[in-house]
Amino acid sequence: MYASLDDAHRAGEDLFLDHCHHTANGNRIIAESIYKFIADQQL
């Protein structure tokens, strides 16, 4: 998940509203990362 967030941050995307709340785009990236992990694990 860190790699996805790092790539988005380096691309200049807004990911956080403050120190602990994600933007809608940040939530999308996190959700996609979690989904990919679960799909890869076939859970």
C-alpha atoms as a PDB file:
ATOM      1  CA  MET A   1       0.000   0.000   0.000  1.00  0.00           C
ATOM      2  CA  TYR A   2       2.877   2.349   0.785  1.00  0.00           C
ATOM      3  CA  ALA A   3       4.183   2.161  -2.780  1.00  0.00           C
ATOM      4  CA  SER A   4       0.801   3.193  -4.204  1.00  0.00           C
ATOM      5  CA  LEU A   5       0.507   6.138  -1.808  1.00  0.00           C
ATOM      6  CA  ASP A   6       4.116   7.151  -2.436  1.00  0.00           C
ATOM      7  CA  ASP A   7       3.623   7.112  -6.214  1.00  0.00           C
ATOM      8  CA  ALA A   8       0.472   9.229  -5.911  1.00  0.00           C
ATOM      9  CA  HIS A   9       2.205  11.677  -3.567  1.00  0.00           C
ATOM     10  CA  ARG A  10       5.151  12.047  -5.928  1.00  0.00           C
ATOM     11  CA  ALA A  11       2.677  12.715  -8.762  1.00  0.00           C
ATOM     12  CA  GLY A  12       1.292  15.616  -6.736  1.00  0.00           C
ATOM     13  CA  GLU A  13      -2.053  14.065  -5.872  1.00  0.00           C
ATOM     14  CA  ASP A  14      -3.850  15.229  -2.725  1.00  0.00           C
ATOM     15  CA  LEU A  15      -4.080  12.259  -0.364  1.00  0.00           C
ATOM     16  CA  PHE A  16      -4.741  13.730   3.081  1.00  0.00           C
ATOM     17  CA  LEU A  17      -7.036  16.427   4.428  1.00  0.00           C
ATOM     18  CA  ASP A  18      -4.965  16.602   7.616  1.00  0.00           C
ATOM     19  CA  HIS A  19      -2.596  14.324   9.532  1.00  0.00           C
ATOM     20  CA  CYS A  20      -5.076  11.432   9.786  1.00  0.00           C
ATOM     21  CA  HIS A  21      -7.980  11.903   7.326  1.00  0.00           C
ATOM     22  CA  HIS A  22      -7.723  10.850   3.699  1.00  0.00           C
ATOM     23  CA  THR A  23      -9.223  12.668   0.736  1.00  0.00           C
ATOM     24  CA  ALA A  24     -11.627  10.786  -1.525  1.00  0.00           C
ATOM     25  CA  ASN A  25      -8.688  10.084  -3.844  1.00  0.00           C
ATOM     26  CA  GLY A  26      -6.582   8.815  -0.946  1.00  0.00           C
ATOM     27  CA  ASN A  27      -9.418   6.498   0.104  1.00  0.00           C
ATOM     28  CA  ARG A  28      -9.684   5.212  -3.475  1.00  0.00           C
ATOM     29  CA  ILE A  29      -5.984   4.353  -3.620  1.00  0.00           C
ATOM     30  CA  ILE A  30      -6.122   2.591  -0.249  1.00  0.00           C
ATOM     31  CA  ALA A  31      -9.266   0.653  -1.192  1.00  0.00           C
ATOM     32  CA  GLU A  32      -7.729  -0.455  -4.492  1.00  0.00           C
ATOM     33  CA  SER A  33      -4.584  -1.616  -2.685  1.00  0.00           C
ATOM     34  CA  ILE A  34      -6.599  -3.606  -0.135  1.00  0.00           C
ATOM     35  CA  TYR A  35      -8.765  -5.129  -2.877  1.00  0.00           C
ATOM     36  CA  LYS A  36      -5.690  -6.148  -4.892  1.00  0.00           C
ATOM     37  CA  PHE A  37      -4.093  -7.716  -1.803  1.00  0.00           C
ATOM     38  CA  ILE A  38      -7.244  -9.730  -1.007  1.00  0.00           C
ATOM     39  CA  ALA A  39      -7.671 -10.792  -4.627  1.00  0.00           C
ATOM     40  CA  ASP A  40      -4.022 -11.884  -4.799  1.00  0.00           C
ATOM     41  CA  GLN A  41      -4.447 -13.916  -1.590  1.00  0.00           C
ATOM     42  CA  GLN A  42      -7.683 -15.458  -2.929  1.00  0.00           C
ATOM     43  CA  LEU A  43      -9.418 -14.803   0.399  1.00  0.00           C
END
